[in-house]
C-alpha atoms as a PDB file:
ATOM      1  CA  MET A   1     207.911  91.263 -86.049  1.00  0.00           C
ATOM      2  CA  ASP A   2     209.930  94.468 -85.642  1.00  0.00           C
ATOM      3  CA  GLY A   3     208.318  96.245 -82.699  1.00  0.00           C
ATOM      4  CA  SER A   4     209.947  99.517 -83.723  1.00  0.00           C
ATOM      5  CA  LEU A   5     207.563  99.786 -86.699  1.00  0.00           C
ATOM      6  CA  ILE A   6     204.527  99.504 -84.398  1.00  0.00           C
ATOM      7  CA  LEU A   7     206.054 102.061 -82.028  1.00  0.00           C
ATOM      8  CA  PHE A   8     206.839 104.356 -84.964  1.00  0.00           C
ATOM      9  CA  ASN A   9     203.240 104.092 -86.156  1.00  0.00           C
ATOM     10  CA  ILE A  10     201.725 104.597 -82.696  1.00  0.00           C
ATOM     11  CA  LEU A  11     203.863 107.697 -82.116  1.00  0.00           C
ATOM     12  CA  ASN A  12     202.485 109.207 -85.320  1.00  0.00           C
ATOM     13  CA  PRO A  13     200.450 112.274 -84.142  1.00  0.00           C
ATOM     14  CA  PRO A  14     197.204 111.347 -85.964  1.00  0.00           C
ATOM     15  CA  VAL A  15     197.238 107.872 -84.372  1.00  0.00           C
ATOM     16  CA  LEU A  16     197.932 109.335 -80.924  1.00  0.00           C
ATOM     17  CA  PHE A  17     194.962 111.665 -81.329  1.00  0.00           C
ATOM     18  CA  PHE A  18     192.848 108.611 -82.221  1.00  0.00           C
ATOM     19  CA  PHE A  19     193.853 107.167 -78.831  1.00  0.00           C
ATOM     20  CA  LEU A  20     193.072 110.492 -77.187  1.00  0.00           C
ATOM     21  CA  GLY A  21     189.538 110.377 -78.566  1.00  0.00           C
ATOM     22  CA  MET A  22     189.053 106.853 -77.213  1.00  0.00           C
ATOM     23  CA  LEU A  23     190.402 107.846 -73.796  1.00  0.00           C
ATOM     24  CA  ALA A  24     187.975 110.773 -73.686  1.00  0.00           C
ATOM     25  CA  VAL A  25     185.080 108.329 -73.898  1.00  0.00           C
ATOM     26  CA  PHE A  26     186.576 105.805 -71.471  1.00  0.00           C
ATOM     27  CA  PHE A  27     187.161 108.531 -68.861  1.00  0.00           C
ATOM     28  CA  LYS A  28     183.722 110.054 -69.542  1.00  0.00           C
ATOM     29  CA  SER A  29     185.098 113.411 -70.660  1.00  0.00           C
ATOM     30  CA  ASP A  30     182.640 115.849 -72.214  1.00  0.00           C
ATOM     31  CA  LEU A  31     184.925 116.278 -75.259  1.00  0.00           C
ATOM     32  CA  GLU A  32     182.754 116.592 -78.368  1.00  0.00           C
ATOM     33  CA  ILE A  33     183.426 117.458 -82.017  1.00  0.00           C
ATOM     34  CA  PRO A  34     180.566 119.538 -83.478  1.00  0.00           C
ATOM     35  CA  GLN A  35     178.896 117.269 -86.014  1.00  0.00           C
ATOM     36  CA  PRO A  36     179.349 119.329 -89.209  1.00  0.00           C
ATOM     37  CA  LEU A  37     183.141 119.309 -88.733  1.00  0.00           C
ATOM     38  CA  PRO A  38     183.838 115.536 -89.020  1.00  0.00           C
ATOM     39  CA  LYS A  39     181.848 115.449 -92.266  1.00  0.00           C
ATOM     40  CA  LEU A  40     183.769 118.467 -93.575  1.00  0.00           C
ATOM     41  CA  PHE A  41     187.139 116.880 -92.716  1.00  0.00           C
ATOM     42  CA  SER A  42     186.057 113.605 -94.300  1.00  0.00           C
ATOM     43  CA  LEU A  43     185.192 115.408 -97.538  1.00  0.00           C
ATOM     44  CA  TYR A  44     188.460 117.361 -97.396  1.00  0.00           C
ATOM     45  CA  LEU A  45     190.555 114.189 -96.988  1.00  0.00           C
ATOM     46  CA  LEU A  46     188.824 112.528 -99.953  1.00  0.00           C
ATOM     47  CA  LEU A  47     189.318 115.655-102.078  1.00  0.00           C
ATOM     48  CA  ALA A  48     192.989 116.027-101.117  1.00  0.00           C
ATOM     49  CA  ILE A  49     193.993 112.393-101.604  1.00  0.00           C
ATOM     50  CA  GLY A  50     192.020 112.151-104.845  1.00  0.00           C
ATOM     51  CA  PHE A  51     193.475 115.333-106.303  1.00  0.00           C
ATOM     52  CA  LYS A  52     197.027 114.318-105.389  1.00  0.00           C
ATOM     53  CA  GLY A  53     196.486 110.846-106.853  1.00  0.00           C
ATOM     54  CA  GLY A  54     195.127 112.322-110.082  1.00  0.00           C
ATOM     55  CA  TYR A  55     198.114 114.670-110.379  1.00  0.00           C
ATOM     56  CA  GLU A  56     200.596 111.836-109.796  1.00  0.00           C
ATOM     57  CA  LEU A  57     198.707 109.620-112.250  1.00  0.00           C
ATOM     58  CA  GLU A  58     198.920 112.361-114.891  1.00  0.00           C
ATOM     59  CA  GLU A  59     202.665 112.671-114.233  1.00  0.00           C
ATOM     60  CA  SER A  60     203.353 108.942-114.512  1.00  0.00           C
ATOM     61  CA  GLY A  61     200.841 108.107-117.230  1.00  0.00           C
ATOM     62  CA  ILE A  62     198.875 104.855-117.646  1.00  0.00           C
ATOM     63  CA  ASN A  63     200.944 101.749-118.334  1.00  0.00           C
ATOM     64  CA  ALA A  64     200.474  97.983-118.212  1.00  0.00           C
ATOM     65  CA  GLN A  65     201.493  97.757-114.537  1.00  0.00           C
ATOM     66  CA  ILE A  66     198.916 100.351-113.521  1.00  0.00           C
ATOM     67  CA  ALA A  67     196.204  98.621-115.552  1.00  0.00           C
ATOM     68  CA  VAL A  68     197.038  95.271-113.914  1.00  0.00           C
ATOM     69  CA  THR A  69     196.900  96.889-110.461  1.00  0.00           C
ATOM     70  CA  LEU A  70     193.459  98.372-111.102  1.00  0.00           C
ATOM     71  CA  ILE A  71     192.118  95.075-112.455  1.00  0.00           C
ATOM     72  CA  ALA A  72     193.480  93.236-109.403  1.00  0.00           C
ATOM     73  CA  ALA A  73     191.760  95.784-107.154  1.00  0.00           C
ATOM     74  CA  ILE A  74     188.375  95.198-108.788  1.00  0.00           C
ATOM     75  CA  VAL A  75     188.804  91.414-108.658  1.00  0.00           C
ATOM     76  CA  MET A  76     189.622  91.488-104.923  1.00  0.00           C
ATOM     77  CA  ALA A  77     186.648  93.773-104.247  1.00  0.00           C
ATOM     78  CA  CYS A  78     184.417  91.124-105.854  1.00  0.00           C
ATOM     79  CA  ILE A  79     186.053  87.998-104.383  1.00  0.00           C
ATOM     80  CA  VAL A  80     186.340  89.053-100.729  1.00  0.00           C
ATOM     81  CA  PRO A  81     182.565  89.481-100.169  1.00  0.00           C
ATOM     82  CA  VAL A  82     181.875  86.061-101.706  1.00  0.00           C
ATOM     83  CA  TYR A  83     184.200  83.938 -99.595  1.00  0.00           C
ATOM     84  CA  THR A  84     183.566  85.915 -96.388  1.00  0.00           C
ATOM     85  CA  PHE A  85     179.823  85.498 -96.943  1.00  0.00           C
ATOM     86  CA  PHE A  86     180.106  81.718 -96.755  1.00  0.00           C
ATOM     87  CA  ILE A  87     182.278  81.936 -93.629  1.00  0.00           C
ATOM     88  CA  LEU A  88     179.708  84.203 -91.987  1.00  0.00           C
ATOM     89  CA  ARG A  89     176.851  81.896 -92.992  1.00  0.00           C
ATOM     90  CA  LEU A  90     178.225  79.360 -90.500  1.00  0.00           C
ATOM     91  CA  LYS A  91     176.740  81.527 -87.731  1.00  0.00           C
ATOM     92  CA  LEU A  92     174.493  84.176 -89.325  1.00  0.00           C
ATOM     93  CA  ASP A  93     171.460  84.459 -91.572  1.00  0.00           C
ATOM     94  CA  ALA A  94     171.914  85.491 -95.205  1.00  0.00           C
ATOM     95  CA  TYR A  95     170.962  89.148 -94.631  1.00  0.00           C
ATOM     96  CA  ASN A  96     173.537  89.848 -91.921  1.00  0.00           C
ATOM     97  CA  ALA A  97     176.158  87.678 -93.624  1.00  0.00           C
ATOM     98  CA  ALA A  98     175.768  89.606 -96.892  1.00  0.00           C
ATOM     99  CA  ALA A  99     175.850  93.015 -95.194  1.00  0.00           C
ATOM    100  CA  ILE A 100     179.013  92.188 -93.228  1.00  0.00           C
ATOM    101  CA  ALA A 101     180.620  90.562 -96.275  1.00  0.00           C
ATOM    102  CA  ALA A 102     179.967  93.695 -98.340  1.00  0.00           C
ATOM    103  CA  THR A 103     181.413  95.830 -95.551  1.00  0.00           C
ATOM    104  CA  TYR A 104     184.653  93.822 -95.553  1.00  0.00           C
ATOM    105  CA  GLY A 105     184.784  93.606 -99.336  1.00  0.00           C
ATOM    106  CA  SER A 106     184.797  97.396 -99.580  1.00  0.00           C
ATOM    107  CA  ILE A 107     187.440  99.793 -98.237  1.00  0.00           C
ATOM    108  CA  SER A 108     188.140 102.460 -95.645  1.00  0.00           C
ATOM    109  CA  ALA A 109     189.527 105.612 -97.238  1.00  0.00           C
ATOM    110  CA  VAL A 110     190.819 106.903 -93.891  1.00  0.00           C
ATOM    111  CA  THR A 111     192.782 103.678 -93.289  1.00  0.00           C
ATOM    112  CA  PHE A 112     194.306 104.102 -96.747  1.00  0.00           C
ATOM    113  CA  ILE A 113     195.161 107.742 -96.027  1.00  0.00           C
ATOM    114  CA  THR A 114     196.741 106.777 -92.685  1.00  0.00           C
ATOM    115  CA  ALA A 115     198.827 104.101 -94.436  1.00  0.00           C
ATOM    116  CA  SER A 116     199.961 106.564 -97.114  1.00  0.00           C
ATOM    117  CA  SER A 117     201.070 109.030 -94.412  1.00  0.00           C
ATOM    118  CA  PHE A 118     202.934 106.171 -92.702  1.00  0.00           C
ATOM    119  CA  LEU A 119     204.798 105.461 -95.956  1.00  0.00           C
ATOM    120  CA  GLU A 120     205.661 109.125 -96.382  1.00  0.00           C
ATOM    121  CA  LYS A 121     207.083 109.254 -92.853  1.00  0.00           C
ATOM    122  CA  LEU A 122     209.301 106.290 -93.783  1.00  0.00           C
ATOM    123  CA  SER A 123     210.193 107.865 -97.174  1.00  0.00           C
ATOM    124  CA  ILE A 124     208.778 104.858 -99.046  1.00  0.00           C
ATOM    125  CA  SER A 125     207.385 105.838-102.442  1.00  0.00           C
ATOM    126  CA  TYR A 126     204.047 104.742-103.876  1.00  0.00           C
ATOM    127  CA  GLY A 127     202.099 105.469-107.044  1.00  0.00           C
ATOM    128  CA  GLY A 128     199.231 107.904-107.454  1.00  0.00           C
ATOM    129  CA  HIS A 129     197.310 105.181-109.277  1.00  0.00           C
ATOM    130  CA  MET A 130     196.677 103.516-105.899  1.00  0.00           C
ATOM    131  CA  VAL A 131     194.101 106.256-105.272  1.00  0.00           C
ATOM    132  CA  ALA A 132     192.325 105.090-108.427  1.00  0.00           C
ATOM    133  CA  ALA A 133     192.384 101.559-106.990  1.00  0.00           C
ATOM    134  CA  LEU A 134     190.854 102.987-103.804  1.00  0.00           C
ATOM    135  CA  ALA A 135     188.015 104.534-105.797  1.00  0.00           C
ATOM    136  CA  LEU A 136     187.383 101.369-107.815  1.00  0.00           C
ATOM    137  CA  MET A 137     187.216  99.066-104.787  1.00  0.00           C
ATOM    138  CA  GLU A 138     184.479 100.857-102.854  1.00  0.00           C
ATOM    139  CA  SER A 139     181.444 100.072-104.991  1.00  0.00           C
ATOM    140  CA  PRO A 140     181.710  96.470-106.345  1.00  0.00           C
ATOM    141  CA  ALA A 141     181.323  94.950-102.882  1.00  0.00           C
ATOM    142  CA  ILE A 142     177.932  96.642-102.487  1.00  0.00           C
ATOM    143  CA  VAL A 143     176.691  95.108-105.736  1.00  0.00           C
ATOM    144  CA  VAL A 144     178.081  91.664-104.819  1.00  0.00           C
ATOM    145  CA  GLY A 145     176.459  91.889-101.376  1.00  0.00           C
ATOM    146  CA  ILE A 146     173.065  92.605-102.918  1.00  0.00           C
ATOM    147  CA  ILE A 147     173.477  89.727-105.369  1.00  0.00           C
ATOM    148  CA  LEU A 148     174.253  87.394-102.461  1.00  0.00           C
ATOM    149  CA  VAL A 149     171.082  88.506-100.694  1.00  0.00           C
ATOM    150  CA  ARG A 150     169.046  87.898-103.841  1.00  0.00           C
ATOM    151  CA  LEU A 151     170.528  84.420-104.262  1.00  0.00           C
ATOM    152  CA  PHE A 152     170.458  83.165-100.688  1.00  0.00           C
ATOM    153  CA  ALA A 153     167.721  85.093 -98.871  1.00  0.00           C
ATOM    154  CA  HIS A 154     164.019  85.546 -99.424  1.00  0.00           C
ATOM    155  CA  SER A 155     162.903  89.137 -98.995  1.00  0.00           C
ATOM    156  CA  ASP A 156     159.391  90.037 -97.984  1.00  0.00           C
ATOM    157  CA  ALA A 157     159.448  92.824-100.571  1.00  0.00           C
ATOM    158  CA  GLY A 158     158.035  91.994-103.968  1.00  0.00           C
ATOM    159  CA  GLU A 159     160.202  91.798-107.049  1.00  0.00           C
ATOM    160  CA  GLU A 160     158.690  94.989-108.379  1.00  0.00           C
ATOM    161  CA  GLU A 161     159.915  96.928-105.318  1.00  0.00           C
ATOM    162  CA  PHE A 162     163.522  95.963-105.943  1.00  0.00           C
ATOM    163  CA  SER A 163     165.334  98.461-108.139  1.00  0.00           C
ATOM    164  CA  TRP A 164     168.777  97.661-109.469  1.00  0.00           C
ATOM    165  CA  GLY A 165     168.921 101.208-110.805  1.00  0.00           C
ATOM    166  CA  LYS A 166     168.732 102.638-107.283  1.00  0.00           C
ATOM    167  CA  ILE A 167     171.289 100.154-106.007  1.00  0.00           C
ATOM    168  CA  LEU A 168     173.786 100.890-108.781  1.00  0.00           C
ATOM    169  CA  HIS A 169     173.251 104.612-108.333  1.00  0.00           C
ATOM    170  CA  GLU A 170     173.923 104.336-104.593  1.00  0.00           C
ATOM    171  CA  SER A 171     176.964 102.143-105.245  1.00  0.00           C
ATOM    172  CA  PHE A 172     178.693 104.296-107.828  1.00  0.00           C
ATOM    173  CA  PHE A 173     177.368 107.795-107.152  1.00  0.00           C
ATOM    174  CA  ASN A 174     177.278 108.024-103.366  1.00  0.00           C
ATOM    175  CA  GLY A 175     178.989 111.164-102.114  1.00  0.00           C
ATOM    176  CA  SER A 176     182.352 109.693-101.100  1.00  0.00           C
ATOM    177  CA  VAL A 177     182.855 107.762-104.341  1.00  0.00           C
ATOM    178  CA  PHE A 178     181.691 110.693-106.476  1.00  0.00           C
ATOM    179  CA  LEU A 179     184.001 113.185-104.762  1.00  0.00           C
ATOM    180  CA  LEU A 180     186.991 110.836-104.831  1.00  0.00           C
ATOM    181  CA  VAL A 181     186.615 109.927-108.502  1.00  0.00           C
ATOM    182  CA  GLY A 182     185.901 113.539-109.423  1.00  0.00           C
ATOM    183  CA  SER A 183     188.989 114.744-107.557  1.00  0.00           C
ATOM    184  CA  VAL A 184     191.149 112.171-109.343  1.00  0.00           C
ATOM    185  CA  MET A 185     189.806 113.331-112.706  1.00  0.00           C
ATOM    186  CA  ILE A 186     190.402 117.005-111.875  1.00  0.00           C
ATOM    187  CA  GLY A 187     193.936 116.159-110.768  1.00  0.00           C
ATOM    188  CA  ILE A 188     194.540 114.424-114.107  1.00  0.00           C
ATOM    189  CA  LEU A 189     193.028 117.279-116.139  1.00  0.00           C
ATOM    190  CA  THR A 190     194.866 120.114-114.380  1.00  0.00           C
ATOM    191  CA  GLY A 191     198.201 118.323-113.907  1.00  0.00           C
ATOM    192  CA  ALA A 192     201.230 120.169-112.535  1.00  0.00           C
ATOM    193  CA  LYS A 193     199.686 123.646-112.852  1.00  0.00           C
ATOM    194  CA  GLY A 194     196.630 122.625-110.841  1.00  0.00           C
ATOM    195  CA  TRP A 195     198.781 120.920-108.226  1.00  0.00           C
ATOM    196  CA  GLU A 196     200.921 124.037-107.838  1.00  0.00           C
ATOM    197  CA  LYS A 197     197.849 126.177-107.218  1.00  0.00           C
ATOM    198  CA  LEU A 198     196.127 123.815-104.756  1.00  0.00           C
ATOM    199  CA  GLN A 199     199.194 122.410-102.999  1.00  0.00           C
ATOM    200  CA  PRO A 200     198.942 124.774 -99.983  1.00  0.00           C
ATOM    201  CA  PHE A 201     195.370 123.551 -99.479  1.00  0.00           C
ATOM    202  CA  THR A 202     195.682 119.869-100.366  1.00  0.00           C
ATOM    203  CA  GLN A 203     199.162 119.238 -98.942  1.00  0.00           C
ATOM    204  CA  GLU A 204     200.152 121.710 -96.233  1.00  0.00           C
ATOM    205  CA  ILE A 205     197.099 121.289 -93.999  1.00  0.00           C
ATOM    206  CA  PHE A 206     196.489 117.619 -94.866  1.00  0.00           C
ATOM    207  CA  TYR A 207     197.995 116.097 -91.698  1.00  0.00           C
ATOM    208  CA  GLY A 208     196.216 118.587 -89.485  1.00  0.00           C
ATOM    209  CA  ALA A 209     192.874 117.605 -90.996  1.00  0.00           C
ATOM    210  CA  LEU A 210     193.728 113.903 -90.720  1.00  0.00           C
ATOM    211  CA  THR A 211     194.676 114.376 -87.062  1.00  0.00           C
ATOM    212  CA  PHE A 212     191.403 116.132 -86.246  1.00  0.00           C
ATOM    213  CA  PHE A 213     189.397 113.505 -88.129  1.00  0.00           C
ATOM    214  CA  LEU A 214     191.099 110.633 -86.285  1.00  0.00           C
ATOM    215  CA  LEU A 215     190.394 112.364 -82.970  1.00  0.00           C
ATOM    216  CA  ASP A 216     186.705 112.196 -83.866  1.00  0.00           C
ATOM    217  CA  MET A 217     187.089 108.590 -85.066  1.00  0.00           C
ATOM    218  CA  GLY A 218     188.530 107.710 -81.656  1.00  0.00           C
ATOM    219  CA  LEU A 219     185.448 109.156 -79.966  1.00  0.00           C
ATOM    220  CA  VAL A 220     183.096 107.269 -82.296  1.00  0.00           C
ATOM    221  CA  ALA A 221     185.014 103.969 -82.133  1.00  0.00           C
ATOM    222  CA  ALA A 222     185.091 103.969 -78.312  1.00  0.00           C
ATOM    223  CA  ARG A 223     181.332 104.510 -78.191  1.00  0.00           C
ATOM    224  CA  ARG A 224     180.810 101.619 -80.621  1.00  0.00           C
ATOM    225  CA  ILE A 225     182.824  99.218 -78.473  1.00  0.00           C
ATOM    226  CA  LYS A 226     179.815  98.830 -76.176  1.00  0.00           C
ATOM    227  CA  GLU A 227     177.843  97.370 -79.067  1.00  0.00           C
ATOM    228  CA  LEU A 228     180.418  94.620 -79.663  1.00  0.00           C
ATOM    229  CA  ARG A 229     178.770  92.581 -76.932  1.00  0.00           C
ATOM    230  CA  LYS A 230     175.993  91.929 -79.457  1.00  0.00           C
ATOM    231  CA  THR A 231     178.403  90.405 -81.980  1.00  0.00           C
ATOM    232  CA  GLY A 232     179.766  87.471 -79.988  1.00  0.00           C
ATOM    233  CA  SER A 233     183.236  85.941 -80.041  1.00  0.00           C
ATOM    234  CA  PHE A 234     182.837  84.618 -83.596  1.00  0.00           C
ATOM    235  CA  LEU A 235     182.353  88.068 -85.108  1.00  0.00           C
ATOM    236  CA  VAL A 236     184.992  89.661 -82.878  1.00  0.00           C
ATOM    237  CA  SER A 237     187.507  87.093 -84.152  1.00  0.00           C
ATOM    238  CA  PHE A 238     186.278  87.636 -87.709  1.00  0.00           C
ATOM    239  CA  SER A 239     186.905  91.393 -87.357  1.00  0.00           C
ATOM    240  CA  VAL A 240     190.620  90.799 -86.756  1.00  0.00           C
ATOM    241  CA  PHE A 241     191.593  87.582 -88.530  1.00  0.00           C
ATOM    242  CA  ILE A 242     189.764  88.157 -91.825  1.00  0.00           C
ATOM    243  CA  PRO A 243     191.474  91.546 -92.417  1.00  0.00           C
ATOM    244  CA  VAL A 244     194.864  89.901 -91.782  1.00  0.00           C
ATOM    245  CA  ALA A 245     194.012  87.081 -94.202  1.00  0.00           C
ATOM    246  CA  ASN A 246     192.836  89.590 -96.823  1.00  0.00           C
ATOM    247  CA  ALA A 247     196.011  91.624 -96.342  1.00  0.00           C
ATOM    248  CA  ILE A 248     198.172  88.526 -96.868  1.00  0.00           C
ATOM    249  CA  PHE A 249     196.260  87.730-100.069  1.00  0.00           C
ATOM    250  CA  GLY A 250     196.896  91.299-101.189  1.00  0.00           C
ATOM    251  CA  ILE A 251     200.593  91.062-100.341  1.00  0.00           C
ATOM    252  CA  LEU A 252     200.969  87.816-102.298  1.00  0.00           C
ATOM    253  CA  ILE A 253     199.212  89.400-105.285  1.00  0.00           C
ATOM    254  CA  GLY A 254     201.546  92.391-105.003  1.00  0.00           C
ATOM    255  CA  LYS A 255     204.578  90.099-104.967  1.00  0.00           C
ATOM    256  CA  VAL A 256     203.428  88.044-107.956  1.00  0.00           C
ATOM    257  CA  LEU A 257     202.473  91.101-110.011  1.00  0.00           C
ATOM    258  CA  GLY A 258     205.501  93.145-108.974  1.00  0.00           C
ATOM    259  CA  PHE A 259     203.764  96.109-107.344  1.00  0.00           C
ATOM    260  CA  GLY A 260     206.758  97.217-105.271  1.00  0.00           C
ATOM    261  CA  GLU A 261     206.972  97.830-101.510  1.00  0.00           C
ATOM    262  CA  GLY A 262     204.858 100.980-101.118  1.00  0.00           C
ATOM    263  CA  ASN A 263     202.138  99.992-103.582  1.00  0.00           C
ATOM    264  CA  THR A 264     201.913  96.503-102.081  1.00  0.00           C
ATOM    265  CA  LEU A 265     201.335  97.933 -98.603  1.00  0.00           C
ATOM    266  CA  LEU A 266     198.559 100.200 -99.868  1.00  0.00           C
ATOM    267  CA  PHE A 267     197.007  97.348-101.853  1.00  0.00           C
ATOM    268  CA  SER A 268     197.091  95.094 -98.788  1.00  0.00           C
ATOM    269  CA  ILE A 269     195.447  97.850 -96.729  1.00  0.00           C
ATOM    270  CA  LEU A 270     192.706  98.190 -99.320  1.00  0.00           C
ATOM    271  CA  CYS A 271     192.131  94.430 -99.121  1.00  0.00           C
ATOM    272  CA  ALA A 272     192.226  94.419 -95.302  1.00  0.00           C
ATOM    273  CA  SER A 273     190.086  97.458 -94.495  1.00  0.00           C
ATOM    274  CA  ALA A 274     186.331  97.577 -94.056  1.00  0.00           C
ATOM    275  CA  SER A 275     183.888 100.316 -94.993  1.00  0.00           C
ATOM    276  CA  TYR A 276     182.065 102.111 -92.172  1.00  0.00           C
ATOM    277  CA  ILE A 277     180.501 104.894 -94.254  1.00  0.00           C
ATOM    278  CA  ALA A 278     179.535 104.050 -97.847  1.00  0.00           C
ATOM    279  CA  VAL A 279     178.577 100.385 -97.477  1.00  0.00           C
ATOM    280  CA  PRO A 280     176.562 100.788 -94.239  1.00  0.00           C
ATOM    281  CA  ALA A 281     174.590 103.590 -95.899  1.00  0.00           C
ATOM    282  CA  ALA A 282     173.856 101.376 -98.901  1.00  0.00           C
ATOM    283  CA  MET A 283     173.062  98.302 -96.783  1.00  0.00           C
ATOM    284  CA  ARG A 284     170.588 100.213 -94.636  1.00  0.00           C
ATOM    285  CA  MET A 285     168.714 101.144 -97.793  1.00  0.00           C
ATOM    286  CA  THR A 286     168.894  97.839 -99.668  1.00  0.00           C
ATOM    287  CA  VAL A 287     169.118  95.220 -96.884  1.00  0.00           C
ATOM    288  CA  PRO A 288     167.010  96.620 -94.007  1.00  0.00           C
ATOM    289  CA  GLU A 289     166.731  93.110 -92.551  1.00  0.00           C
ATOM    290  CA  ALA A 290     170.434  93.220 -91.559  1.00  0.00           C
ATOM    291  CA  ASN A 291     171.399  94.606 -88.150  1.00  0.00           C
ATOM    292  CA  PRO A 292     173.559  97.783 -88.570  1.00  0.00           C
ATOM    293  CA  SER A 293     174.969  97.449 -85.043  1.00  0.00           C
ATOM    294  CA  LEU A 294     176.791  94.329 -86.224  1.00  0.00           C
ATOM    295  CA  TYR A 295     178.534  95.485 -89.388  1.00  0.00           C
ATOM    296  CA  VAL A 296     179.117  99.097 -88.319  1.00  0.00           C
ATOM    297  CA  SER A 297     180.545  98.269 -84.881  1.00  0.00           C
ATOM    298  CA  MET A 298     182.748  95.485 -86.282  1.00  0.00           C
ATOM    299  CA  ALA A 299     184.247  97.708 -88.969  1.00  0.00           C
ATOM    300  CA  LEU A 300     184.617 100.856 -86.893  1.00  0.00           C
ATOM    301  CA  ALA A 301     185.349  99.658 -83.348  1.00  0.00           C
ATOM    302  CA  LEU A 302     187.585  96.677 -84.152  1.00  0.00           C
ATOM    303  CA  THR A 303     188.905  96.450 -87.723  1.00  0.00           C
ATOM    304  CA  PHE A 304     189.628 100.162 -88.170  1.00  0.00           C
ATOM    305  CA  PRO A 305     191.703 100.608 -84.973  1.00  0.00           C
ATOM    306  CA  PHE A 306     193.427  97.245 -85.488  1.00  0.00           C
ATOM    307  CA  ASN A 307     194.543  98.244 -88.976  1.00  0.00           C
ATOM    308  CA  ILE A 308     195.776 101.731 -88.143  1.00  0.00           C
ATOM    309  CA  ILE A 309     197.592 100.665 -84.949  1.00  0.00           C
ATOM    310  CA  ILE A 310     198.907  97.156 -85.633  1.00  0.00           C
ATOM    311  CA  GLY A 311     197.899  96.197 -89.174  1.00  0.00           C
ATOM    312  CA  ILE A 312     199.847  98.816 -91.137  1.00  0.00           C
ATOM    313  CA  PRO A 313     203.262  98.054 -89.547  1.00  0.00           C
ATOM    314  CA  LEU A 314     202.481  94.306 -89.470  1.00  0.00           C
ATOM    315  CA  TYR A 315     201.738  94.190 -93.198  1.00  0.00           C
ATOM    316  CA  LEU A 316     204.855  96.222 -93.987  1.00  0.00           C
ATOM    317  CA  GLU A 317     206.954  93.795 -91.934  1.00  0.00           C
ATOM    318  CA  ILE A 318     205.511  90.854 -93.912  1.00  0.00           C
ATOM    319  CA  ILE A 319     206.265  92.699 -97.162  1.00  0.00           C
ATOM    320  CA  LYS A 320     209.857  93.292 -96.071  1.00  0.00           C
ATOM    321  CA  HIS A 321     210.210  89.655 -94.981  1.00  0.00           C
ATOM    322  CA  LEU A 322     209.071  88.501 -98.433  1.00  0.00           C
ATOM    323  CA  GLY A 323     211.579  90.803-100.077  1.00  0.00           C
ATOM    324  CA  ILE A 324     209.026  92.789-102.089  1.00  0.00           C
END
């Protein structure tokens, strides 16, 4: 592997600020980010990436390649939770296995945004439709996870207390999905004129917001590392090797379907990342028997830093090696 790509990624300011946040916790600094701000930056990043994706999608139009990409995204979001569930069942009960499988079947928007900024630094182009793939991949894993619980676990709650309506509403209308999809639609509807008006807001300050958000993510991830002792070596290994396997599946799909270099990297990142916001919120509501310290700490303290530090350049190197 070309070590220069890892070095290039690590020396990216947002990634360095992620490290700074982790160091603040390790050295017991009193550095704190006031709680309303991380939520505000999270919403801003979703709005900005969604609006830009919608604008680029309106510019390029919908074609067969885009449709195939979106279908592949949905299929992967449904398949990953199923096969990871059966791997996890080797060591865990059905509740925890389903919750973790749903977490790894869904996506991390911030990992995707970090990967897109990495591509822009390298001047590698990618399509705005990948943001639509991002939006489509977040919710199916939640539904699949719940189905797995219903098939393989026996809940104490009665059948009448289980509401698919609430689950589907949480899956498809939770705040992050709603804002992302809505931003994509507004970007499509307003096109070039809308982009021209919002560009100073959605483009010029984007990397500053991402940097501040990753600083906070570093603080949170370092605090979560303490909880990894509860997961054991099996789940620690799972947190690293399964994302790499998912990324390789994504890369092979990208090669077969002809996605191109930039789109293949983003697709592989979507396959490799794990949700630490939307899915945990849904799992806490629908699968209370599962232990949140397992799936949240795995996704946030291991998989997220691995992907943004090593995963992104590693997957790009594999893509280059395969000649995509």
